[in-house]
Amino acid sequence: MTYLIYRCDCGRVLYSKEETKTKKCTCGKTLNVKKRRILKIAETAASATEAVQQMQEEIYGGSIFKTANEL
Protein backbone atom coordinates (compact mmCIF):
# COMPACT_ATOMS: atom_id res chain seq x y z
CA MET A 1 0.00 0.00 0.00
CA THR A 2 1.29 3.46 -0.86
CA TYR A 3 0.76 6.58 1.26
CA LEU A 4 0.89 10.14 -0.06
CA ILE A 5 2.27 12.96 2.10
CA TYR A 6 1.09 16.51 1.42
CA ARG A 7 0.30 19.82 3.15
CA CYS A 8 -2.96 21.55 3.95
CA ASP A 9 -3.35 25.26 3.22
CA CYS A 10 -3.05 25.85 6.98
CA GLY A 11 0.48 24.37 6.91
CA ARG A 12 -0.16 21.04 8.59
CA VAL A 13 1.47 18.02 6.97
CA LEU A 14 -0.93 15.11 6.34
CA TYR A 15 -0.84 11.67 4.81
CA SER A 16 -3.43 9.33 3.34
CA LYS A 17 -3.68 6.17 1.29
CA GLU A 18 -3.08 6.64 -2.42
CA GLU A 19 -6.66 5.75 -3.33
CA THR A 20 -8.18 8.28 -0.89
CA LYS A 21 -10.19 10.99 -2.65
CA THR A 22 -10.69 13.54 0.15
CA LYS A 23 -9.19 14.12 3.58
CA LYS A 24 -10.34 16.44 6.34
CA CYS A 25 -7.60 18.41 8.10
CA THR A 26 -7.79 19.21 11.81
CA CYS A 27 -8.29 22.87 10.81
CA GLY A 28 -11.65 21.84 9.31
CA LYS A 29 -10.81 22.14 5.62
CA THR A 30 -11.69 19.22 3.34
CA LEU A 31 -8.91 18.56 0.84
CA ASN A 32 -9.11 16.91 -2.56
CA VAL A 33 -6.06 14.63 -2.31
CA LYS A 34 -5.62 14.27 -6.07
CA LYS A 35 -5.22 18.05 -6.48
CA ARG A 36 -2.60 18.44 -3.72
CA ARG A 37 1.12 18.69 -4.44
CA ILE A 38 2.65 15.45 -3.17
CA LEU A 39 5.74 16.06 -1.04
CA LYS A 40 6.72 12.44 -0.34
CA ILE A 41 5.53 8.89 -0.88
CA ALA A 42 5.77 6.21 1.82
CA GLU A 43 5.28 2.46 1.57
CA THR A 44 3.92 1.86 5.10
CA ALA A 45 1.74 3.77 7.53
CA ALA A 46 4.58 3.76 10.07
CA SER A 47 7.03 5.35 7.64
CA ALA A 48 4.38 7.90 6.59
CA THR A 49 3.78 8.82 10.23
CA GLU A 50 7.50 9.24 10.83
CA ALA A 51 7.90 11.40 7.72
CA VAL A 52 4.98 13.63 8.77
CA GLN A 53 6.47 14.06 12.25
CA GLN A 54 9.88 14.99 10.83
CA MET A 55 8.37 17.49 8.41
CA GLN A 56 6.21 19.08 11.14
CA GLU A 57 9.28 19.45 13.37
CA GLU A 58 11.23 21.10 10.52
CA ILE A 59 8.39 23.57 9.95
CA TYR A 60 7.65 24.44 13.58
CA GLY A 61 11.08 23.76 15.09
CA GLY A 62 11.95 21.55 18.01
CA SER A 63 10.41 18.27 18.93
CA ILE A 64 6.66 18.74 19.25
CA PHE A 65 5.94 15.01 19.24
CA LYS A 66 6.61 13.46 22.63
CA THR A 67 5.63 10.29 24.40
CA ALA A 68 3.91 10.47 27.78
CA ASN A 69 7.09 9.61 29.69
CA GLU A 70 8.91 12.58 28.09
CA LEU A 71 6.41 15.16 29.41
PDB file of N, CA and C in Angstrom:
ATOM      1  N   MET A   1       0.843  -1.172   0.000  1.00  0.00           N
ATOM      2  CA  MET A   1       0.000   0.000   0.000  1.00  0.00           C
ATOM      3  C   MET A   1       0.889   1.237   0.000  1.00  0.00           C
ATOM      4  N   THR A   2       0.516   2.224  -0.752  1.00  0.00           N
ATOM      5  CA  THR A   2       1.290   3.458  -0.863  1.00  0.00           C
ATOM      6  C   THR A   2       0.557   4.597  -0.166  1.00  0.00           C
ATOM      7  N   TYR A   3       1.312   5.428   0.553  1.00  0.00           N
ATOM      8  CA  TYR A   3       0.758   6.579   1.262  1.00  0.00           C
ATOM      9  C   TYR A   3       1.339   7.856   0.686  1.00  0.00           C
ATOM     10  N   LEU A   4       0.481   8.854   0.480  1.00  0.00           N
ATOM     11  CA  LEU A   4       0.894  10.144  -0.058  1.00  0.00           C
ATOM     12  C   LEU A   4       0.999  11.150   1.088  1.00  0.00           C
ATOM     13  N   ILE A   5       2.050  11.958   1.065  1.00  0.00           N
ATOM     14  CA  ILE A   5       2.271  12.960   2.097  1.00  0.00           C
ATOM     15  C   ILE A   5       2.180  14.331   1.438  1.00  0.00           C
ATOM     16  N   TYR A   6       1.360  15.214   2.013  1.00  0.00           N
ATOM     17  CA  TYR A   6       1.092  16.513   1.423  1.00  0.00           C
ATOM     18  C   TYR A   6       0.758  17.507   2.530  1.00  0.00           C
ATOM     19  N   ARG A   7       0.610  18.786   2.169  1.00  0.00           N
ATOM     20  CA  ARG A   7       0.297  19.816   3.154  1.00  0.00           C
ATOM     21  C   ARG A   7      -1.082  20.409   2.902  1.00  0.00           C
ATOM     22  N   CYS A   8      -1.702  20.798   4.008  1.00  0.00           N
ATOM     23  CA  CYS A   8      -2.957  21.550   3.946  1.00  0.00           C
ATOM     24  C   CYS A   8      -2.601  23.017   3.738  1.00  0.00           C
ATOM     25  N   ASP A   9      -3.571  23.828   3.366  1.00  0.00           N
ATOM     26  CA  ASP A   9      -3.351  25.258   3.215  1.00  0.00           C
ATOM     27  C   ASP A   9      -2.986  25.919   4.551  1.00  0.00           C
ATOM     28  N   CYS A  10      -3.367  25.306   5.657  1.00  0.00           N
ATOM     29  CA  CYS A  10      -3.046  25.851   6.978  1.00  0.00           C
ATOM     30  C   CYS A  10      -1.595  25.566   7.367  1.00  0.00           C
ATOM     31  N   GLY A  11      -0.918  24.674   6.640  1.00  0.00           N
ATOM     32  CA  GLY A  11       0.480  24.369   6.914  1.00  0.00           C
ATOM     33  C   GLY A  11       0.716  22.999   7.505  1.00  0.00           C
ATOM     34  N   ARG A  12      -0.325  22.361   7.986  1.00  0.00           N
ATOM     35  CA  ARG A  12      -0.163  21.038   8.587  1.00  0.00           C
ATOM     36  C   ARG A  12       0.173  20.002   7.518  1.00  0.00           C
ATOM     37  N   VAL A  13       1.092  19.109   7.871  1.00  0.00           N
ATOM     38  CA  VAL A  13       1.471  18.023   6.968  1.00  0.00           C
ATOM     39  C   VAL A  13       0.558  16.834   7.256  1.00  0.00           C
ATOM     40  N   LEU A  14       0.002  16.230   6.208  1.00  0.00           N
ATOM     41  CA  LEU A  14      -0.933  15.108   6.339  1.00  0.00           C
ATOM     42  C   LEU A  14      -0.495  13.955   5.449  1.00  0.00           C
ATOM     43  N   TYR A  15      -1.048  12.786   5.715  1.00  0.00           N
ATOM     44  CA  TYR A  15      -0.844  11.665   4.806  1.00  0.00           C
ATOM     45  C   TYR A  15      -2.144  10.878   4.677  1.00  0.00           C
ATOM     46  N   SER A  16      -2.276  10.189   3.563  1.00  0.00           N
ATOM     47  CA  SER A  16      -3.434   9.330   3.340  1.00  0.00           C
ATOM     48  C   SER A  16      -3.067   8.263   2.333  1.00  0.00           C
ATOM     49  N   LYS A  17      -3.889   7.233   2.264  1.00  0.00           N
ATOM     50  CA  LYS A  17      -3.675   6.170   1.285  1.00  0.00           C
ATOM     51  C   LYS A  17      -3.808   6.734  -0.117  1.00  0.00           C
ATOM     52  N   GLU A  18      -3.104   6.142  -1.053  1.00  0.00           N
ATOM     53  CA  GLU A  18      -3.077   6.645  -2.421  1.00  0.00           C
ATOM     54  C   GLU A  18      -4.471   6.715  -3.045  1.00  0.00           C
ATOM     55  N   GLU A  19      -5.340   5.778  -2.718  1.00  0.00           N
ATOM     56  CA  GLU A  19      -6.664   5.746  -3.334  1.00  0.00           C
ATOM     57  C   GLU A  19      -7.682   6.670  -2.653  1.00  0.00           C
ATOM     58  N   THR A  20      -7.288   7.362  -1.590  1.00  0.00           N
ATOM     59  CA  THR A  20      -8.178   8.282  -0.886  1.00  0.00           C
ATOM     60  C   THR A  20      -8.502   9.487  -1.774  1.00  0.00           C
ATOM     61  N   LYS A  21      -9.777   9.853  -1.819  1.00  0.00           N
ATOM     62  CA  LYS A  21     -10.189  10.990  -2.651  1.00  0.00           C
ATOM     63  C   LYS A  21     -10.145  12.299  -1.885  1.00  0.00           C
ATOM     64  N   THR A  22     -10.688  12.314  -0.660  1.00  0.00           N
ATOM     65  CA  THR A  22     -10.686  13.537   0.148  1.00  0.00           C
ATOM     66  C   THR A  22     -10.213  13.230   1.556  1.00  0.00           C
ATOM     67  N   LYS A  23      -9.673  14.261   2.202  1.00  0.00           N
ATOM     68  CA  LYS A  23      -9.188  14.122   3.579  1.00  0.00           C
ATOM     69  C   LYS A  23      -9.538  15.396   4.311  1.00  0.00           C
ATOM     70  N   LYS A  24      -9.994  15.274   5.543  1.00  0.00           N
ATOM     71  CA  LYS A  24     -10.336  16.443   6.338  1.00  0.00           C
ATOM     72  C   LYS A  24      -9.185  16.741   7.297  1.00  0.00           C
ATOM     73  N   CYS A  25      -8.679  17.958   7.226  1.00  0.00           N
ATOM     74  CA  CYS A  25      -7.596  18.408   8.102  1.00  0.00           C
ATOM     75  C   CYS A  25      -8.179  18.760   9.467  1.00  0.00           C
ATOM     76  N   THR A  26      -7.321  18.832  10.475  1.00  0.00           N
ATOM     77  CA  THR A  26      -7.789  19.212  11.807  1.00  0.00           C
ATOM     78  C   THR A  26      -8.246  20.664  11.853  1.00  0.00           C
ATOM     79  N   CYS A  27      -7.835  21.477  10.861  1.00  0.00           N
ATOM     80  CA  CYS A  27      -8.286  22.873  10.805  1.00  0.00           C
ATOM     81  C   CYS A  27      -9.732  22.974  10.314  1.00  0.00           C
ATOM     82  N   GLY A  28     -10.264  21.865   9.771  1.00  0.00           N
ATOM     83  CA  GLY A  28     -11.646  21.839   9.311  1.00  0.00           C
ATOM     84  C   GLY A  28     -11.806  21.836   7.804  1.00  0.00           C
ATOM     85  N   LYS A  29     -10.743  22.099   7.081  1.00  0.00           N
ATOM     86  CA  LYS A  29     -10.811  22.144   5.624  1.00  0.00           C
ATOM     87  C   LYS A  29     -10.811  20.733   5.046  1.00  0.00           C
ATOM     88  N   THR A  30     -11.663  20.497   4.054  1.00  0.00           N
ATOM     89  CA  THR A  30     -11.690  19.224   3.342  1.00  0.00           C
ATOM     90  C   THR A  30     -10.839  19.368   2.084  1.00  0.00           C
ATOM     91  N   LEU A  31      -9.866  18.483   1.939  1.00  0.00           N
ATOM     92  CA  LEU A  31      -8.910  18.560   0.843  1.00  0.00           C
ATOM     93  C   LEU A  31      -9.169  17.494  -0.200  1.00  0.00           C
ATOM     94  N   ASN A  32      -9.068  17.869  -1.465  1.00  0.00           N
ATOM     95  CA  ASN A  32      -9.110  16.910  -2.564  1.00  0.00           C
ATOM     96  C   ASN A  32      -7.680  16.417  -2.736  1.00  0.00           C
ATOM     97  N   VAL A  33      -7.412  15.175  -2.331  1.00  0.00           N
ATOM     98  CA  VAL A  33      -6.055  14.634  -2.305  1.00  0.00           C
ATOM     99  C   VAL A  33      -5.422  14.638  -3.695  1.00  0.00           C
ATOM    100  N   LYS A  34      -6.170  14.348  -4.712  1.00  0.00           N
ATOM    101  CA  LYS A  34      -5.624  14.268  -6.070  1.00  0.00           C
ATOM    102  C   LYS A  34      -5.137  15.616  -6.594  1.00  0.00           C
ATOM    103  N   LYS A  35      -5.619  16.722  -6.023  1.00  0.00           N
ATOM    104  CA  LYS A  35      -5.216  18.051  -6.482  1.00  0.00           C
ATOM    105  C   LYS A  35      -4.098  18.653  -5.627  1.00  0.00           C
ATOM    106  N   ARG A  36      -3.657  17.942  -4.585  1.00  0.00           N
ATOM    107  CA  ARG A  36      -2.596  18.445  -3.717  1.00  0.00           C
ATOM    108  C   ARG A  36      -1.234  18.135  -4.331  1.00  0.00           C
ATOM    109  N   ARG A  37      -0.246  18.960  -4.018  1.00  0.00           N
ATOM    110  CA  ARG A  37       1.120  18.695  -4.445  1.00  0.00           C
ATOM    111  C   ARG A  37       1.702  17.671  -3.478  1.00  0.00           C
ATOM    112  N   ILE A  38       2.137  16.536  -3.991  1.00  0.00           N
ATOM    113  CA  ILE A  38       2.651  15.447  -3.170  1.00  0.00           C
ATOM    114  C   ILE A  38       4.105  15.741  -2.815  1.00  0.00           C
ATOM    115  N   LEU A  39       4.399  15.753  -1.505  1.00  0.00           N
ATOM    116  CA  LEU A  39       5.745  16.057  -1.036  1.00  0.00           C
ATOM    117  C   LEU A  39       6.612  14.812  -0.933  1.00  0.00           C
ATOM    118  N   LYS A  40       6.005  13.712  -0.494  1.00  0.00           N
ATOM    119  CA  LYS A  40       6.721  12.443  -0.344  1.00  0.00           C
ATOM    120  C   LYS A  40       5.748  11.305  -0.545  1.00  0.00           C
ATOM    121  N   ILE A  41       6.313  10.124  -0.780  1.00  0.00           N
ATOM    122  CA  ILE A  41       5.528   8.893  -0.880  1.00  0.00           C
ATOM    123  C   ILE A  41       6.142   7.891   0.084  1.00  0.00           C
ATOM    124  N   ALA A  42       5.307   7.213   0.853  1.00  0.00           N
ATOM    125  CA  ALA A  42       5.769   6.213   1.816  1.00  0.00           C
ATOM    126  C   ALA A  42       5.101   4.873   1.516  1.00  0.00           C
ATOM    127  N   GLU A  43       5.794   3.811   1.844  1.00  0.00           N
ATOM    128  CA  GLU A  43       5.282   2.462   1.575  1.00  0.00           C
ATOM    129  C   GLU A  43       4.441   1.897   2.717  1.00  0.00           C
ATOM    130  N   THR A  44       4.676   2.362   3.941  1.00  0.00           N
ATOM    131  CA  THR A  44       3.918   1.856   5.097  1.00  0.00           C
ATOM    132  C   THR A  44       3.349   3.028   5.886  1.00  0.00           C
ATOM    133  N   ALA A  45       2.334   2.732   6.692  1.00  0.00           N
ATOM    134  CA  ALA A  45       1.735   3.771   7.534  1.00  0.00           C
ATOM    135  C   ALA A  45       2.747   4.263   8.564  1.00  0.00           C
ATOM    136  N   ALA A  46       3.572   3.367   9.077  1.00  0.00           N
ATOM    137  CA  ALA A  46       4.576   3.760  10.070  1.00  0.00           C
ATOM    138  C   ALA A  46       5.596   4.725   9.468  1.00  0.00           C
ATOM    139  N   SER A  47       6.057   4.456   8.269  1.00  0.00           N
ATOM    140  CA  SER A  47       7.030   5.350   7.641  1.00  0.00           C
ATOM    141  C   SER A  47       6.378   6.679   7.246  1.00  0.00           C
ATOM    142  N   ALA A  48       5.102   6.657   6.892  1.00  0.00           N
ATOM    143  CA  ALA A  48       4.381   7.904   6.586  1.00  0.00           C
ATOM    144  C   ALA A  48       4.235   8.747   7.848  1.00  0.00           C
ATOM    145  N   THR A  49       3.906   8.120   8.950  1.00  0.00           N
ATOM    146  CA  THR A  49       3.778   8.823  10.226  1.00  0.00           C
ATOM    147  C   THR A  49       5.097   9.465  10.618  1.00  0.00           C
ATOM    148  N   GLU A  50       6.178   8.720  10.484  1.00  0.00           N
ATOM    149  CA  GLU A  50       7.500   9.243  10.829  1.00  0.00           C
ATOM    150  C   GLU A  50       7.880  10.427   9.939  1.00  0.00           C
ATOM    151  N   ALA A  51       7.595  10.317   8.656  1.00  0.00           N
ATOM    152  CA  ALA A  51       7.903  11.403   7.716  1.00  0.00           C
ATOM    153  C   ALA A  51       7.102  12.654   8.056  1.00  0.00           C
ATOM    154  N   VAL A  52       5.826  12.492   8.399  1.00  0.00           N
ATOM    155  CA  VAL A  52       4.984  13.630   8.769  1.00  0.00           C
ATOM    156  C   VAL A  52       5.538  14.295  10.032  1.00  0.00           C
ATOM    157  N   GLN A  53       5.924  13.504  11.020  1.00  0.00           N
ATOM    158  CA  GLN A  53       6.468  14.064  12.254  1.00  0.00           C
ATOM    159  C   GLN A  53       7.745  14.845  11.981  1.00  0.00           C
ATOM    160  N   GLN A  54       8.638  14.307  11.162  1.00  0.00           N
ATOM    161  CA  GLN A  54       9.881  14.994  10.835  1.00  0.00           C
ATOM    162  C   GLN A  54       9.611  16.305  10.106  1.00  0.00           C
ATOM    163  N   MET A  55       8.688  16.284   9.160  1.00  0.00           N
ATOM    164  CA  MET A  55       8.372  17.495   8.405  1.00  0.00           C
ATOM    165  C   MET A  55       7.731  18.555   9.309  1.00  0.00           C
ATOM    166  N   GLN A  56       6.843  18.147  10.210  1.00  0.00           N
ATOM    167  CA  GLN A  56       6.211  19.084  11.137  1.00  0.00           C
ATOM    168  C   GLN A  56       7.271  19.718  12.044  1.00  0.00           C
ATOM    169  N   GLU A  57       8.237  18.920  12.506  1.00  0.00           N
ATOM    170  CA  GLU A  57       9.283  19.447  13.369  1.00  0.00           C
ATOM    171  C   GLU A  57      10.182  20.425  12.619  1.00  0.00           C
ATOM    172  N   GLU A  58      10.440  20.170  11.335  1.00  0.00           N
ATOM    173  CA  GLU A  58      11.227  21.097  10.523  1.00  0.00           C
ATOM    174  C   GLU A  58      10.496  22.428  10.366  1.00  0.00           C
ATOM    175  N   ILE A  59       9.187  22.361  10.166  1.00  0.00           N
ATOM    176  CA  ILE A  59       8.388  23.567   9.953  1.00  0.00           C
ATOM    177  C   ILE A  59       8.275  24.380  11.238  1.00  0.00           C
ATOM    178  N   TYR A  60       7.936  23.728  12.340  1.00  0.00           N
ATOM    179  CA  TYR A  60       7.645  24.436  13.579  1.00  0.00           C
ATOM    180  C   TYR A  60       8.809  24.465  14.555  1.00  0.00           C
ATOM    181  N   GLY A  61       9.897  23.753  14.241  1.00  0.00           N
ATOM    182  CA  GLY A  61      11.085  23.762  15.086  1.00  0.00           C
ATOM    183  C   GLY A  61      10.911  22.947  16.362  1.00  0.00           C
ATOM    184  N   GLY A  62      11.986  22.332  16.773  1.00  0.00           N
ATOM    185  CA  GLY A  62      11.955  21.551  18.015  1.00  0.00           C
ATOM    186  C   GLY A  62      11.149  20.289  17.879  1.00  0.00           C
ATOM    187  N   SER A  63      11.149  19.526  18.918  1.00  0.00           N
ATOM    188  CA  SER A  63      10.412  18.268  18.932  1.00  0.00           C
ATOM    189  C   SER A  63       9.045  18.504  19.559  1.00  0.00           C
ATOM    190  N   ILE A  64       8.009  18.526  18.718  1.00  0.00           N
ATOM    191  CA  ILE A  64       6.661  18.740  19.247  1.00  0.00           C
ATOM    192  C   ILE A  64       5.943  17.422  19.486  1.00  0.00           C
ATOM    193  N   PHE A  65       6.526  16.323  19.022  1.00  0.00           N
ATOM    194  CA  PHE A  65       5.943  15.007  19.239  1.00  0.00           C
ATOM    195  C   PHE A  65       6.695  14.323  20.364  1.00  0.00           C
ATOM    196  N   LYS A  66       5.992  14.069  21.465  1.00  0.00           N
ATOM    197  CA  LYS A  66       6.611  13.459  22.626  1.00  0.00           C
ATOM    198  C   LYS A  66       5.737  12.320  23.122  1.00  0.00           C
ATOM    199  N   THR A  67       6.386  11.357  23.748  1.00  0.00           N
ATOM    200  CA  THR A  67       5.629  10.291  24.396  1.00  0.00           C
ATOM    201  C   THR A  67       5.289  10.743  25.807  1.00  0.00           C
ATOM    202  N   ALA A  68       4.389  10.060  26.462  1.00  0.00           N
ATOM    203  CA  ALA A  68       3.909  10.469  27.777  1.00  0.00           C
ATOM    204  C   ALA A  68       5.046  10.528  28.802  1.00  0.00           C
ATOM    205  N   ASN A  69       6.013   9.608  28.707  1.00  0.00           N
ATOM    206  CA  ASN A  69       7.094   9.606  29.695  1.00  0.00           C
ATOM    207  C   ASN A  69       8.088  10.752  29.479  1.00  0.00           C
ATOM    208  N   GLU A  70       8.022  11.455  28.342  1.00  0.00           N
ATOM    209  CA  GLU A  70       8.905  12.585  28.089  1.00  0.00           C
ATOM    210  C   GLU A  70       8.340  13.907  28.581  1.00  0.00           C
ATOM    211  N   LEU A  71       7.056  13.914  28.960  1.00  0.00           N
ATOM    212  CA  LEU A  71       6.412  15.160  29.405  1.00  0.00           C
ATOM    213  C   LEU A  71       6.811  15.532  30.813  1.00  0.00           C
TER     214      LEU A  71
END
